[in-house]
Structure formats: C-alpha cells, structure tokens
C-alpha atoms as a PDB file:
ATOM      1  CA  MET A   1      81.802 117.875  56.577  1.00  0.00           C
ATOM      2  CA  SER A   2      77.646 118.562  55.499  1.00  0.00           C
ATOM      3  CA  ILE A   3      77.399 121.398  53.865  1.00  0.00           C
ATOM      4  CA  ASP A   4      75.339 123.891  56.981  1.00  0.00           C
ATOM      5  CA  SER A   5      79.334 122.701  59.139  1.00  0.00           C
ATOM      6  CA  PRO A   6      81.046 126.280  59.695  1.00  0.00           C
ATOM      7  CA  ALA A   7      83.073 127.624  57.120  1.00  0.00           C
ATOM      8  CA  SER A   8      85.138 129.353  59.273  1.00  0.00           C
ATOM      9  CA  ILE A   9      86.464 130.281  62.606  1.00  0.00           C
ATOM     10  CA  ASP A  10      84.964 132.987  62.542  1.00  0.00           C
ATOM     11  CA  ASP A  11      81.194 131.198  61.601  1.00  0.00           C
ATOM     12  CA  THR A  12      82.228 128.870  64.113  1.00  0.00           C
ATOM     13  CA  LEU A  13      82.045 132.066  67.042  1.00  0.00           C
ATOM     14  CA  ALA A  14      78.641 133.321  64.913  1.00  0.00           C
ATOM     15  CA  LEU A  15      77.137 130.079  65.282  1.00  0.00           C
ATOM     16  CA  LEU A  16      78.141 129.259  68.822  1.00  0.00           C
ATOM     17  CA  THR A  17      76.467 133.254  69.832  1.00  0.00           C
ATOM     18  CA  ARG A  18      73.331 132.454  67.688  1.00  0.00           C
ATOM     19  CA  GLY A  19      73.143 129.465  70.253  1.00  0.00           C
ATOM     20  CA  GLY A  20      73.150 131.576  73.253  1.00  0.00           C
ATOM     21  CA  TYR A  21      77.281 130.335  74.187  1.00  0.00           C
ATOM     22  CA  VAL A  22      79.836 133.355  75.039  1.00  0.00           C
ATOM     23  CA  ALA A  23      82.584 131.430  73.747  1.00  0.00           C
ATOM     24  CA  ASP A  24      86.012 132.387  73.782  1.00  0.00           C
ATOM     25  CA  ARG A  25      88.329 132.408  70.473  1.00  0.00           C
ATOM     26  CA  ALA A  26      90.357 128.876  71.431  1.00  0.00           C
ATOM     27  CA  LEU A  27      87.215 127.009  72.274  1.00  0.00           C
ATOM     28  CA  ALA A  28      85.701 128.519  68.950  1.00  0.00           C
ATOM     29  CA  THR A  29      88.644 127.259  66.481  1.00  0.00           C
ATOM     30  CA  VAL A  30      88.833 123.320  68.283  1.00  0.00           C
ATOM     31  CA  LEU A  31      85.059 123.543  67.839  1.00  0.00           C
ATOM     32  CA  PHE A  32      85.567 124.375  63.779  1.00  0.00           C
ATOM     33  CA  LEU A  33      88.780 121.729  63.889  1.00  0.00           C
ATOM     34  CA  SER A  34      86.426 119.234  65.143  1.00  0.00           C
ATOM     35  CA  LEU A  35      84.004 119.326  62.272  1.00  0.00           C
ATOM     36  CA  LYS A  36      86.462 120.060  59.977  1.00  0.00           C
ATOM     37  CA  MET A  37      88.681 116.554  60.749  1.00  0.00           C
ATOM     38  CA  GLN A  38      85.578 114.570  60.700  1.00  0.00           C
ATOM     39  CA  ARG A  39      87.457 114.018  64.591  1.00  0.00           C
ATOM     40  CA  PRO A  40      85.936 113.521  68.508  1.00  0.00           C
ATOM     41  CA  LEU A  41      85.834 116.783  70.429  1.00  0.00           C
ATOM     42  CA  PHE A  42      86.940 115.826  73.907  1.00  0.00           C
ATOM     43  CA  LEU A  43      85.598 118.953  76.365  1.00  0.00           C
ATOM     44  CA  GLU A  44      87.768 118.873  79.910  1.00  0.00           C
ATOM     45  CA  GLY A  45      86.693 120.671  82.844  1.00  0.00           C
ATOM     46  CA  GLU A  46      84.869 121.462  86.497  1.00  0.00           C
ATOM     47  CA  ALA A  47      81.501 120.294  86.626  1.00  0.00           C
ATOM     48  CA  GLY A  48      79.156 123.499  85.903  1.00  0.00           C
ATOM     49  CA  VAL A  49      81.468 125.225  83.099  1.00  0.00           C
ATOM     50  CA  GLY A  50      79.037 124.396  80.586  1.00  0.00           C
ATOM     51  CA  LYS A  51      80.977 121.478  78.296  1.00  0.00           C
ATOM     52  CA  THR A  52      77.600 119.336  78.332  1.00  0.00           C
ATOM     53  CA  GLU A  53      75.872 122.776  76.657  1.00  0.00           C
ATOM     54  CA  ILE A  54      78.068 123.109  73.472  1.00  0.00           C
ATOM     55  CA  ALA A  55      76.747 120.278  72.163  1.00  0.00           C
ATOM     56  CA  LYS A  56      73.916 120.958  73.534  1.00  0.00           C
ATOM     57  CA  VAL A  57      73.805 123.786  70.679  1.00  0.00           C
ATOM     58  CA  LEU A  58      75.863 122.544  68.279  1.00  0.00           C
ATOM     59  CA  ALA A  59      72.776 119.724  67.463  1.00  0.00           C
ATOM     60  CA  ALA A  60      70.033 123.093  67.462  1.00  0.00           C
ATOM     61  CA  THR A  61      72.040 125.237  65.467  1.00  0.00           C
ATOM     62  CA  LEU A  62      73.352 122.907  62.913  1.00  0.00           C
ATOM     63  CA  ASP A  63      69.765 121.470  63.202  1.00  0.00           C
ATOM     64  CA  ARG A  64      70.963 118.051  64.210  1.00  0.00           C
ATOM     65  CA  PRO A  65      69.415 115.836  66.512  1.00  0.00           C
ATOM     66  CA  LEU A  66      71.226 115.189  69.613  1.00  0.00           C
ATOM     67  CA  ILE A  67      71.711 111.448  71.477  1.00  0.00           C
ATOM     68  CA  ARG A  68      72.865 111.705  74.996  1.00  0.00           C
ATOM     69  CA  LEU A  69      74.673 108.851  76.696  1.00  0.00           C
ATOM     70  CA  GLN A  70      74.306 109.764  80.444  1.00  0.00           C
ATOM     71  CA  CYS A  71      77.317 107.756  82.127  1.00  0.00           C
ATOM     72  CA  TYR A  72      77.628 106.582  85.395  1.00  0.00           C
ATOM     73  CA  GLU A  73      79.337 103.650  87.389  1.00  0.00           C
ATOM     74  CA  GLY A  74      78.541 100.087  85.767  1.00  0.00           C
ATOM     75  CA  LEU A  75      77.127 101.026  82.453  1.00  0.00           C
ATOM     76  CA  ASP A  76      77.735  98.718  80.060  1.00  0.00           C
ATOM     77  CA  LEU A  77      76.858  97.944  75.962  1.00  0.00           C
ATOM     78  CA  SER A  78      73.176  96.859  77.490  1.00  0.00           C
ATOM     79  CA  SER A  79      72.865 100.694  78.362  1.00  0.00           C
ATOM     80  CA  ALA A  80      75.123 102.593  76.201  1.00  0.00           C
ATOM     81  CA  VAL A  81      75.316 100.716  72.536  1.00  0.00           C
ATOM     82  CA  TYR A  82      73.097  97.366  71.913  1.00  0.00           C
ATOM     83  CA  GLU A  83      70.876  94.399  73.587  1.00  0.00           C
ATOM     84  CA  TRP A  84      69.124  92.335  71.748  1.00  0.00           C
ATOM     85  CA  ASN A  85      65.165  91.685  72.314  1.00  0.00           C
ATOM     86  CA  TYR A  86      64.969  88.619  74.347  1.00  0.00           C
ATOM     87  CA  ALA A  87      61.312  88.166  74.768  1.00  0.00           C
ATOM     88  CA  ALA A  88      60.313  88.301  71.239  1.00  0.00           C
ATOM     89  CA  GLN A  89      63.435  86.428  70.234  1.00  0.00           C
ATOM     90  CA  MET A  90      62.206  83.395  71.404  1.00  0.00           C
ATOM     91  CA  VAL A  91      58.567  83.759  70.493  1.00  0.00           C
ATOM     92  CA  GLU A  92      60.464  83.366  67.310  1.00  0.00           C
ATOM     93  CA  ILE A  93      62.282  80.622  67.695  1.00  0.00           C
ATOM     94  CA  ARG A  94      59.208  78.549  69.377  1.00  0.00           C
ATOM     95  CA  ILE A  95      56.651  79.560  65.868  1.00  0.00           C
ATOM     96  CA  ALA A  96      59.747  78.210  64.299  1.00  0.00           C
ATOM     97  CA  GLU A  97      59.425  75.278  65.725  1.00  0.00           C
ATOM     98  CA  ALA A  98      55.795  74.078  66.265  1.00  0.00           C
ATOM     99  CA  SER A  99      56.130  74.683  61.833  1.00  0.00           C
ATOM    100  CA  GLY A 100      58.430  72.678  61.446  1.00  0.00           C
ATOM    101  CA  VAL A 101      61.556  74.502  60.469  1.00  0.00           C
ATOM    102  CA  GLU A 102      65.393  72.457  62.360  1.00  0.00           C
ATOM    103  CA  ASP A 103      67.645  74.117  60.645  1.00  0.00           C
ATOM    104  CA  ARG A 104      69.568  75.963  63.792  1.00  0.00           C
ATOM    105  CA  GLY A 105      70.766  78.118  61.435  1.00  0.00           C
ATOM    106  CA  GLU A 106      67.931  79.828  59.141  1.00  0.00           C
ATOM    107  CA  ILE A 107      66.444  80.032  62.358  1.00  0.00           C
ATOM    108  CA  ALA A 108      69.379  81.549  64.668  1.00  0.00           C
ATOM    109  CA  SER A 109      69.427  83.896  61.354  1.00  0.00           C
ATOM    110  CA  ASP A 110      66.618  84.482  61.890  1.00  0.00           C
ATOM    111  CA  VAL A 111      65.838  85.360  65.763  1.00  0.00           C
ATOM    112  CA  PHE A 112      69.959  87.612  64.654  1.00  0.00           C
ATOM    113  CA  SER A 113      68.403  90.354  62.498  1.00  0.00           C
ATOM    114  CA  GLU A 114      67.850  93.710  62.575  1.00  0.00           C
ATOM    115  CA  LYS A 115      64.220  93.938  63.877  1.00  0.00           C
ATOM    116  CA  PHE A 116      65.424  91.811  67.064  1.00  0.00           C
ATOM    117  CA  LEU A 117      67.632  94.549  67.430  1.00  0.00           C
ATOM    118  CA  ILE A 118      67.358  97.501  70.145  1.00  0.00           C
ATOM    119  CA  LYS A 119      69.208 100.342  69.375  1.00  0.00           C
ATOM    120  CA  ARG A 120      71.011 102.520  71.869  1.00  0.00           C
ATOM    121  CA  PRO A 121      71.956 105.686  71.680  1.00  0.00           C
ATOM    122  CA  ILE A 122      75.588 104.505  70.024  1.00  0.00           C
ATOM    123  CA  LEU A 123      74.026 102.898  67.819  1.00  0.00           C
ATOM    124  CA  LYS A 124      71.031 104.917  67.129  1.00  0.00           C
ATOM    125  CA  ALA A 125      74.620 107.599  66.746  1.00  0.00           C
ATOM    126  CA  LEU A 126      75.573 105.638  63.527  1.00  0.00           C
ATOM    127  CA  GLU A 127      71.913 106.109  61.631  1.00  0.00           C
ATOM    128  CA  PRO A 128      71.976 108.971  60.063  1.00  0.00           C
ATOM    129  CA  THR A 129      69.139 110.539  59.612  1.00  0.00           C
ATOM    130  CA  VAL A 130      65.888 110.670  57.221  1.00  0.00           C
ATOM    131  CA  ASP A 131      68.134 114.177  55.080  1.00  0.00           C
ATOM    132  CA  GLY A 132      71.074 111.655  55.669  1.00  0.00           C
ATOM    133  CA  ARG A 133      72.890 113.553  57.708  1.00  0.00           C
ATOM    134  CA  ALA A 134      74.730 112.572  60.615  1.00  0.00           C
ATOM    135  CA  PRO A 135      73.510 113.267  64.011  1.00  0.00           C
ATOM    136  CA  VAL A 136      75.004 114.572  67.378  1.00  0.00           C
ATOM    137  CA  LEU A 137      76.101 112.046  70.308  1.00  0.00           C
ATOM    138  CA  LEU A 138      77.116 113.363  73.855  1.00  0.00           C
ATOM    139  CA  ILE A 139      79.238 111.230  75.280  1.00  0.00           C
ATOM    140  CA  ASP A 140      78.307 113.335  79.126  1.00  0.00           C
ATOM    141  CA  GLU A 141      80.737 112.867  81.846  1.00  0.00           C
ATOM    142  CA  LEU A 142      82.393 109.464  80.666  1.00  0.00           C
ATOM    143  CA  ASP A 143      84.745 109.785  84.058  1.00  0.00           C
ATOM    144  CA  ARG A 144      81.710 108.443  86.179  1.00  0.00           C
ATOM    145  CA  ALA A 145      81.782 105.145  83.647  1.00  0.00           C
ATOM    146  CA  ASP A 146      84.061 102.587  83.688  1.00  0.00           C
ATOM    147  CA  GLU A 147      87.737 101.986  82.043  1.00  0.00           C
ATOM    148  CA  ALA A 148      86.338  98.877  80.113  1.00  0.00           C
ATOM    149  CA  PHE A 149      83.969 101.235  79.138  1.00  0.00           C
ATOM    150  CA  GLU A 150      86.433 103.630  77.341  1.00  0.00           C
ATOM    151  CA  ALA A 151      87.594 100.817  75.799  1.00  0.00           C
ATOM    152  CA  PHE A 152      84.647  99.488  74.038  1.00  0.00           C
ATOM    153  CA  LEU A 153      84.256 103.236  72.746  1.00  0.00           C
ATOM    154  CA  LEU A 154      88.282 103.459  71.145  1.00  0.00           C
ATOM    155  CA  GLU A 155      85.915 101.493  67.449  1.00  0.00           C
ATOM    156  CA  VAL A 156      83.579 103.968  67.629  1.00  0.00           C
ATOM    157  CA  LEU A 157      85.470 106.697  68.077  1.00  0.00           C
ATOM    158  CA  ALA A 158      88.323 105.868  65.835  1.00  0.00           C
ATOM    159  CA  ASP A 159      86.508 104.038  62.423  1.00  0.00           C
ATOM    160  CA  ALA A 160      82.734 105.755  63.832  1.00  0.00           C
ATOM    161  CA  GLN A 161      81.742 101.975  63.873  1.00  0.00           C
ATOM    162  CA  VAL A 162      80.337  99.239  66.509  1.00  0.00           C
ATOM    163  CA  THR A 163      81.114  95.293  65.907  1.00  0.00           C
ATOM    164  CA  ILE A 164      77.842  92.720  66.948  1.00  0.00           C
ATOM    165  CA  PRO A 165      79.318  89.653  67.413  1.00  0.00           C
ATOM    166  CA  GLU A 166      75.247  87.722  66.205  1.00  0.00           C
ATOM    167  CA  PHE A 167      74.254  90.658  64.055  1.00  0.00           C
ATOM    168  CA  GLY A 168      78.272  91.589  62.467  1.00  0.00           C
ATOM    169  CA  THR A 169      79.524  95.527  62.030  1.00  0.00           C
ATOM    170  CA  VAL A 170      77.511  98.642  61.601  1.00  0.00           C
ATOM    171  CA  ARG A 171      78.751 101.611  60.393  1.00  0.00           C
ATOM    172  CA  ALA A 172      78.597 104.851  59.601  1.00  0.00           C
ATOM    173  CA  PRO A 173      78.002 105.588  56.507  1.00  0.00           C
ATOM    174  CA  THR A 174      79.644 109.911  57.697  1.00  0.00           C
ATOM    175  CA  PRO A 175      80.980 109.724  60.664  1.00  0.00           C
ATOM    176  CA  PRO A 176      78.734 111.339  64.066  1.00  0.00           C
ATOM    177  CA  ILE A 177      79.623 115.088  65.310  1.00  0.00           C
ATOM    178  CA  VAL A 178      81.454 113.112  68.650  1.00  0.00           C
ATOM    179  CA  ILE A 179      80.998 115.595  71.841  1.00  0.00           C
ATOM    180  CA  ILE A 180      82.393 113.729  74.835  1.00  0.00           C
ATOM    181  CA  THR A 181      82.858 115.759  78.384  1.00  0.00           C
ATOM    182  CA  THR A 182      84.423 114.865  81.686  1.00  0.00           C
ATOM    183  CA  ASN A 183      84.489 116.733  85.213  1.00  0.00           C
ATOM    184  CA  ARG A 184      88.174 114.814  85.568  1.00  0.00           C
ATOM    185  CA  THR A 185      87.527 112.956  88.740  1.00  0.00           C
ATOM    186  CA  ARG A 186      89.326 110.568  87.344  1.00  0.00           C
ATOM    187  CA  GLU A 187      91.599 109.867  84.400  1.00  0.00           C
ATOM    188  CA  ILE A 188      91.167 109.455  80.884  1.00  0.00           C
ATOM    189  CA  HIS A 189      92.988 106.245  78.976  1.00  0.00           C
ATOM    190  CA  ASP A 190      95.520 108.431  76.860  1.00  0.00           C
ATOM    191  CA  ALA A 191      94.069 105.830  74.004  1.00  0.00           C
ATOM    192  CA  LEU A 192      91.145 107.171  73.976  1.00  0.00           C
ATOM    193  CA  LYS A 193      92.423 111.307  73.928  1.00  0.00           C
ATOM    194  CA  ARG A 194      94.773 110.227  71.152  1.00  0.00           C
ATOM    195  CA  ARG A 195      91.150 110.679  68.938  1.00  0.00           C
ATOM    196  CA  CYS A 196      90.247 113.638  69.958  1.00  0.00           C
ATOM    197  CA  LEU A 197      91.036 116.963  69.715  1.00  0.00           C
ATOM    198  CA  TYR A 198      91.288 117.596  73.589  1.00  0.00           C
ATOM    199  CA  HIS A 199      90.202 120.679  75.079  1.00  0.00           C
ATOM    200  CA  TRP A 200      90.351 122.839  78.681  1.00  0.00           C
ATOM    201  CA  VAL A 201      86.409 125.038  79.257  1.00  0.00           C
ATOM    202  CA  ASP A 202      87.990 126.525  82.705  1.00  0.00           C
ATOM    203  CA  TYR A 203      86.034 129.023  84.661  1.00  0.00           C
ATOM    204  CA  PRO A 204      84.860 132.706  82.223  1.00  0.00           C
ATOM    205  CA  ASP A 205      87.303 135.658  83.174  1.00  0.00           C
ATOM    206  CA  VAL A 206      84.908 138.959  84.730  1.00  0.00           C
ATOM    207  CA  GLU A 207      84.146 139.953  81.403  1.00  0.00           C
ATOM    208  CA  ARG A 208      82.843 136.857  79.582  1.00  0.00           C
ATOM    209  CA  GLU A 209      80.391 135.943  82.780  1.00  0.00           C
ATOM    210  CA  MET A 210      79.023 139.318  82.430  1.00  0.00           C
ATOM    211  CA  ALA A 211      78.270 138.438  78.543  1.00  0.00           C
ATOM    212  CA  ILE A 212      76.723 135.280  79.995  1.00  0.00           C
ATOM    213  CA  VAL A 213      74.327 136.370  82.456  1.00  0.00           C
ATOM    214  CA  ARG A 214      73.013 139.216  80.378  1.00  0.00           C
ATOM    215  CA  THR A 215      72.992 136.992  77.570  1.00  0.00           C
ATOM    216  CA  LYS A 216      71.140 133.987  79.550  1.00  0.00           C
ATOM    217  CA  VAL A 217      69.195 136.770  82.322  1.00  0.00           C
ATOM    218  CA  PRO A 218      68.553 139.072  80.804  1.00  0.00           C
ATOM    219  CA  LYS A 219      65.657 140.628  83.419  1.00  0.00           C
ATOM    220  CA  ALA A 220      68.943 140.833  86.148  1.00  0.00           C
ATOM    221  CA  PRO A 221      69.640 144.466  86.265  1.00  0.00           C
ATOM    222  CA  ASP A 222      72.501 145.578  85.586  1.00  0.00           C
ATOM    223  CA  LEU A 223      73.976 146.593  88.408  1.00  0.00           C
ATOM    224  CA  LEU A 224      73.456 143.009  90.025  1.00  0.00           C
ATOM    225  CA  ALA A 225      74.603 141.007  87.779  1.00  0.00           C
ATOM    226  CA  ARG A 226      77.963 142.388  87.619  1.00  0.00           C
ATOM    227  CA  GLN A 227      77.272 142.542  91.487  1.00  0.00           C
ATOM    228  CA  VAL A 228      76.617 139.224  91.278  1.00  0.00           C
ATOM    229  CA  VAL A 229      79.849 138.111  88.903  1.00  0.00           C
ATOM    230  CA  ALA A 230      81.880 139.923  91.322  1.00  0.00           C
ATOM    231  CA  PHE A 231      80.793 137.620  93.860  1.00  0.00           C
ATOM    232  CA  VAL A 232      80.937 135.012  92.484  1.00  0.00           C
ATOM    233  CA  GLN A 233      84.670 135.638  91.317  1.00  0.00           C
ATOM    234  CA  LYS A 234      85.304 136.631  95.055  1.00  0.00           C
ATOM    235  CA  LEU A 235      84.475 133.112  95.799  1.00  0.00           C
ATOM    236  CA  ARG A 236      86.449 131.156  93.763  1.00  0.00           C
ATOM    237  CA  GLU A 237      89.547 133.003  94.986  1.00  0.00           C
ATOM    238  CA  MET A 238      88.271 131.121  98.444  1.00  0.00           C
ATOM    239  CA  ASP A 239      89.019 128.028  99.655  1.00  0.00           C
ATOM    240  CA  LEU A 240      86.310 125.747  99.215  1.00  0.00           C
ATOM    241  CA  PHE A 241      85.643 122.325  98.094  1.00  0.00           C
ATOM    242  CA  LYS A 242      83.270 123.348  95.102  1.00  0.00           C
ATOM    243  CA  VAL A 243      83.064 126.589  94.075  1.00  0.00           C
ATOM    244  CA  PRO A 244      80.396 126.747  91.837  1.00  0.00           C
ATOM    245  CA  GLY A 245      80.392 127.152  88.475  1.00  0.00           C
ATOM    246  CA  VAL A 246      79.001 129.698  85.365  1.00  0.00           C
ATOM    247  CA  ALA A 247      75.463 127.468  85.971  1.00  0.00           C
ATOM    248  CA  GLU A 248      74.885 127.847  89.724  1.00  0.00           C
ATOM    249  CA  THR A 249      75.726 131.765  88.627  1.00  0.00           C
ATOM    250  CA  LEU A 250      73.318 131.626  86.333  1.00  0.00           C
ATOM    251  CA  ASP A 251      71.054 130.570  89.046  1.00  0.00           C
ATOM    252  CA  TRP A 252      71.782 133.278  91.920  1.00  0.00           C
ATOM    253  CA  ALA A 253      71.550 135.711  89.268  1.00  0.00           C
ATOM    254  CA  THR A 254      67.577 134.151  88.134  1.00  0.00           C
ATOM    255  CA  ALA A 255      66.635 133.624  92.255  1.00  0.00           C
ATOM    256  CA  LEU A 256      67.893 137.210  92.815  1.00  0.00           C
ATOM    257  CA  ALA A 257      65.895 138.611  89.849  1.00  0.00           C
ATOM    258  CA  GLU A 258      63.440 136.336  91.008  1.00  0.00           C
ATOM    259  CA  LEU A 259      63.392 138.938  94.511  1.00  0.00           C
ATOM    260  CA  ASP A 260      63.566 141.472  92.752  1.00  0.00           C
ATOM    261  CA  LYS A 261      66.794 142.371  94.394  1.00  0.00           C
ATOM    262  CA  LEU A 262      68.517 145.156  92.640  1.00  0.00           C
ATOM    263  CA  ALA A 263      71.977 145.352  94.568  1.00  0.00           C
ATOM    264  CA  LEU A 264      73.555 142.593  96.479  1.00  0.00           C
ATOM    265  CA  ASP A 265      72.983 143.283 100.451  1.00  0.00           C
ATOM    266  CA  PRO A 266      74.832 140.422 103.334  1.00  0.00           C
ATOM    267  CA  GLU A 267      70.814 138.701 104.398  1.00  0.00           C
ATOM    268  CA  THR A 268      69.688 138.204 100.910  1.00  0.00           C
ATOM    269  CA  VAL A 269      73.216 136.436 100.378  1.00  0.00           C
ATOM    270  CA  SER A 270      72.836 134.950 103.862  1.00  0.00           C
ATOM    271  CA  ASP A 271      69.697 133.287 102.470  1.00  0.00           C
ATOM    272  CA  THR A 272      69.792 132.664  98.978  1.00  0.00           C
ATOM    273  CA  LEU A 273      73.715 130.409  99.404  1.00  0.00           C
ATOM    274  CA  GLY A 274      72.335 127.308  98.595  1.00  0.00           C
ATOM    275  CA  VAL A 275      71.708 128.254  95.427  1.00  0.00           C
ATOM    276  CA  LEU A 276      75.780 129.380  94.892  1.00  0.00           C
ATOM    277  CA  LEU A 277      76.807 126.544  96.875  1.00  0.00           C
ATOM    278  CA  LYS A 278      75.660 122.825  97.176  1.00  0.00           C
ATOM    279  CA  TYR A 279      78.993 121.775 100.318  1.00  0.00           C
ATOM    280  CA  GLN A 280      77.124 122.665 103.726  1.00  0.00           C
ATOM    281  CA  ASP A 281      80.975 122.733 104.465  1.00  0.00           C
ATOM    282  CA  ASP A 282      81.250 125.601 102.456  1.00  0.00           C
ATOM    283  CA  ILE A 283      78.495 127.551 103.268  1.00  0.00           C
ATOM    284  CA  ALA A 284      79.752 128.019 106.563  1.00  0.00           C
ATOM    285  CA  ARG A 285      83.421 128.809 105.701  1.00  0.00           C
ATOM    286  CA  VAL A 286      81.684 132.217 104.080  1.00  0.00           C
ATOM    287  CA  LYS A 287      79.357 132.657 106.556  1.00  0.00           C
ATOM    288  CA  THR A 288      81.912 132.661 108.552  1.00  0.00           C
ATOM    289  CA  SER A 289      84.838 134.578 106.768  1.00  0.00           C
ATOM    290  CA  ASP A 290      82.889 138.160 107.743  1.00  0.00           C
ATOM    291  CA  LEU A 291      79.997 137.403 104.157  1.00  0.00           C
ATOM    292  CA  GLY A 292      79.318 141.715 104.700  1.00  0.00           C
ATOM    293  CA  ARG A 293      83.218 141.846 104.146  1.00  0.00           C
ATOM    294  CA  VAL A 294      82.735 139.730 101.332  1.00  0.00           C
ATOM    295  CA  VAL A 295      79.257 141.377  99.716  1.00  0.00           C
ATOM    296  CA  GLU A 296      81.174 144.536 100.166  1.00  0.00           C
ATOM    297  CA  GLU A 297      84.678 143.999  98.294  1.00  0.00           C
ATOM    298  CA  ALA A 298      82.051 141.984  95.114  1.00  0.00           C
ATOM    299  CA  LYS A 299      80.339 145.228  94.845  1.00  0.00           C
ATOM    300  CA  GLY A 300      83.851 147.165  95.092  1.00  0.00           C
ATOM    301  CA  ARG A 301      84.913 145.186  91.725  1.00  0.00           C
ATOM    302  CA  ALA A 302      82.319 145.502  90.669  1.00  0.00           C
ATOM    303  CA  LEU A 303      81.949 149.460  90.670  1.00  0.00           C
ATOM    304  CA  ALA A 304      85.912 148.847  89.489  1.00  0.00           C
ATOM    305  CA  GLY A 305      84.748 146.803  86.205  1.00  0.00           C
END
C-alpha cells in the first residue's frame, strides 16, 4: 500500500471530504479496507448516485493517474487490454526479409516485441507511474459489457496480471487501485464478485443530499437548495420509470440557480422537469399528478427540515 493511502476509516472519510465527495461511514469503511487489503472495490447502484465519482475523487486526492475503461456491448480485448500494431509489424517483416533474414523464430520474436504492442486501459493500469505508485483503474458500467469479458477480468482482478499469448505475462509490480461500477442492468457473475469487496451505493437521505448540494452547488440559495432536495426526494417516492439520481439533483439546482430562482414555483418546475427526468412518460406523469400540490408538499418538507 502506498504511504499516502489513508491510515484509518476516519482518514478515508476526510480524504473523500477533501475531494468534495459527501460519503457515509459505511462507504468510507469499505474503501479503506479495499485500499488496505489491495482488493478491487465493486460498487453497485442505480445510475447517477455517484459511483464513478468515487474513483475520480480517489485518484485526485491520492494524486494518482485515473485510467478509465468505459464498458459497452461488444467490448473486446483489443479495445480494453491490448492489440498489435499489425501495419508496423508487416513493414518490419518485409524489411527483415529484404535484409535476408530467414529465421522465422527471429522474425517472430522481433515483431511480437513491446515496441509493436498497443496498450489499452487495462494493460496501462498494470504499469506503475514514474514514481512507482499504481494508478486508479476505473472499470465503469461493467454490466454493459458481455459476460465473456467478465471471464477475462478474473485473471486481472485475482493476480494483477495479463497473459498475452505471443508476448508472455505482464504482471503489475504493485496492484492498481481497482474500482468497478455497475448499474445492475444485469447480474455480474459471482466468480468476479468474490474477488472484490462489495458496496451498494444508494440514493442519499435528505441530510446527505443537502450536504452534497451545498458542496457542489454553493451558489444555490439555501431555501432553494432545501426545496430542490425535498422535491427530488418526493419524486423518488413516485412510480416513475427512472427516478432522478444525485447527478440530476445537482444539475437541477445549478439550472435553477442560473435562472436566479430563490424558491420553487409550479411554473418553473414544469418548465425545467427535463433537467430532472429523462423519459417523457415520467415527465407527463409528474405534470398530471397535481404538480402544484407536489411542489407545496416539497416546500413544506423543506421548512420542516
């Protein structure tokens, strides 16, 4: 473990706070253990609750490079791990043949050397930085990738290494700090989860979401911020296809502050619902559910809080 890693759970909580991330003690505990035990951290939760931000804050506060692998359907080794520079290899082969080199083994050992190896995020993450510290590897939205890619990750997560058939095994001198996120659009195999520490990142309660808004949108008036949080919390109780996450709360608070609003009103809420909700059916459902009453209830909650 690097000397600049936090020495306790309290230090981990303070580290996240310095990075502008408002975390609870449960998250700080599992993150501390992940760093201490050099185990990947598997973060699961709905989209927009702040999973990706944890890796960004960790890289920034520990002063480590962040290497991000954004997963998607069809992701393969050539995009995630490595590929060979085939064009340069062909040129090298032709030059060797023109020079009279006939030993196929000699040619192969040359063209499958590191200078022809194109390193993608995972392979880059196995290399230490100039000062010897391991980077933060963010494997984002793993549930978007195919199950076959999960199987490949087992070697990376268990042994911090990658085996390249033509080249050999590349092993990290110090395991990278690995953060894996998933929005749970599909289940991830237990074999992969067993190699990680696990934490469910839930929607924050009123108090923590208010602290997040104050930290991230300081220009929002206090009354407006409290009403925004109360309204979003109210929406999360409704039967919507996709309730707003923390990211949408911050976007909406920022938008209302840019409109110089001091408090919520039904007309403004109706006009800006597209910042909070991303599906027309959800917007229509909120607008037809007596929007004025919902706004007034949110105001009442804000005052009571």
